[in-house]
């Protein structure tokens, strides 16, 4: 994982893998999942595992 000097951009390298139906996992899949985890309106067991997105 790489983080920009200003800390605003995070770059991830995804390994090649597939879902249970043999479709490839894409960056769009990961982005969608991350946004769901951060959505306050969705009850997610993973939300406590993520970084804080609030700014003081």
C-alpha atoms as a PDB file:
ATOM      1  CA  UNK A   1       0.000   0.000   0.000  1.00  0.00           C
ATOM      2  CA  UNK A   2       1.214   3.464  -0.784  1.00  0.00           C
ATOM      3  CA  UNK A   3       0.133   6.753   0.760  1.00  0.00           C
ATOM      4  CA  UNK A   4       0.682  10.148  -0.822  1.00  0.00           C
ATOM      5  CA  UNK A   5       2.782  12.738   1.015  1.00  0.00           C
ATOM      6  CA  UNK A   6      -0.358  14.673   1.984  1.00  0.00           C
ATOM      7  CA  UNK A   7      -2.103  11.495   3.182  1.00  0.00           C
ATOM      8  CA  UNK A   8      -5.107  12.080   0.944  1.00  0.00           C
ATOM      9  CA  UNK A   9      -4.458   9.351  -1.623  1.00  0.00           C
ATOM     10  CA  UNK A  10      -4.017   5.686  -0.805  1.00  0.00           C
ATOM     11  CA  UNK A  11      -2.882   3.273  -3.502  1.00  0.00           C
ATOM     12  CA  UNK A  12      -3.562  -0.456  -3.157  1.00  0.00           C
ATOM     13  CA  UNK A  13      -2.283  -3.293  -5.305  1.00  0.00           C
ATOM     14  CA  UNK A  14      -4.867  -6.043  -5.695  1.00  0.00           C
ATOM     15  CA  UNK A  15      -3.883  -9.641  -6.147  1.00  0.00           C
ATOM     16  CA  UNK A  16      -5.522 -11.561  -8.960  1.00  0.00           C
ATOM     17  CA  UNK A  17      -8.400 -13.574  -7.505  1.00  0.00           C
ATOM     18  CA  UNK A  18     -11.948 -14.563  -8.341  1.00  0.00           C
ATOM     19  CA  UNK A  19     -15.340 -14.684  -6.647  1.00  0.00           C
ATOM     20  CA  UNK A  20     -17.092 -17.982  -5.903  1.00  0.00           C
ATOM     21  CA  UNK A  21     -18.617 -17.867  -9.413  1.00  0.00           C
ATOM     22  CA  UNK A  22     -15.147 -17.533 -11.011  1.00  0.00           C
ATOM     23  CA  UNK A  23     -15.679 -13.864 -11.965  1.00  0.00           C
ATOM     24  CA  UNK A  24     -12.568 -11.743 -11.348  1.00  0.00           C
ATOM     25  CA  UNK A  25     -12.473  -9.414  -8.354  1.00  0.00           C
ATOM     26  CA  UNK A  26     -11.970  -5.870  -9.652  1.00  0.00           C
ATOM     27  CA  UNK A  27     -10.968  -2.527  -8.190  1.00  0.00           C
ATOM     28  CA  UNK A  28     -14.602  -1.433  -8.662  1.00  0.00           C
ATOM     29  CA  UNK A  29     -15.715  -4.337  -6.440  1.00  0.00           C
ATOM     30  CA  UNK A  30     -13.300  -3.301  -3.713  1.00  0.00           C
ATOM     31  CA  UNK A  31     -14.298   0.375  -3.939  1.00  0.00           C
ATOM     32  CA  UNK A  32     -18.012  -0.504  -3.745  1.00  0.00           C
ATOM     33  CA  UNK A  33     -17.449  -2.722  -0.702  1.00  0.00           C
ATOM     34  CA  UNK A  34     -15.366  -0.085   1.066  1.00  0.00           C
ATOM     35  CA  UNK A  35     -18.062   2.556   0.526  1.00  0.00           C
ATOM     36  CA  UNK A  36     -20.721   0.192   1.914  1.00  0.00           C
ATOM     37  CA  UNK A  37     -18.616  -0.456   5.011  1.00  0.00           C
ATOM     38  CA  UNK A  38     -18.231   3.305   5.595  1.00  0.00           C
ATOM     39  CA  UNK A  39     -21.940   4.054   5.034  1.00  0.00           C
ATOM     40  CA  UNK A  40     -23.497   4.976   8.398  1.00  0.00           C
ATOM     41  CA  UNK A  41     -26.911   3.799   7.179  1.00  0.00           C
ATOM     42  CA  UNK A  42     -25.656   0.234   6.669  1.00  0.00           C
ATOM     43  CA  UNK A  43     -25.091  -1.990   9.688  1.00  0.00           C
ATOM     44  CA  UNK A  44     -21.643  -3.457   9.107  1.00  0.00           C
ATOM     45  CA  UNK A  45     -19.548  -5.594  11.410  1.00  0.00           C
ATOM     46  CA  UNK A  46     -16.491  -4.247   9.558  1.00  0.00           C
ATOM     47  CA  UNK A  47     -17.151  -0.533  10.123  1.00  0.00           C
ATOM     48  CA  UNK A  48     -15.179  -0.609  13.386  1.00  0.00           C
ATOM     49  CA  UNK A  49     -12.180  -2.010  11.467  1.00  0.00           C
ATOM     50  CA  UNK A  50     -11.886   0.987   9.145  1.00  0.00           C
ATOM     51  CA  UNK A  51     -10.075   4.251   9.638  1.00  0.00           C
ATOM     52  CA  UNK A  52     -11.935   7.307  10.813  1.00  0.00           C
ATOM     53  CA  UNK A  53     -13.174   9.455   7.953  1.00  0.00           C
ATOM     54  CA  UNK A  54     -14.224  12.426  10.076  1.00  0.00           C
ATOM     55  CA  UNK A  55     -12.171  15.587  10.107  1.00  0.00           C
ATOM     56  CA  UNK A  56     -11.936  17.793  13.182  1.00  0.00           C
END
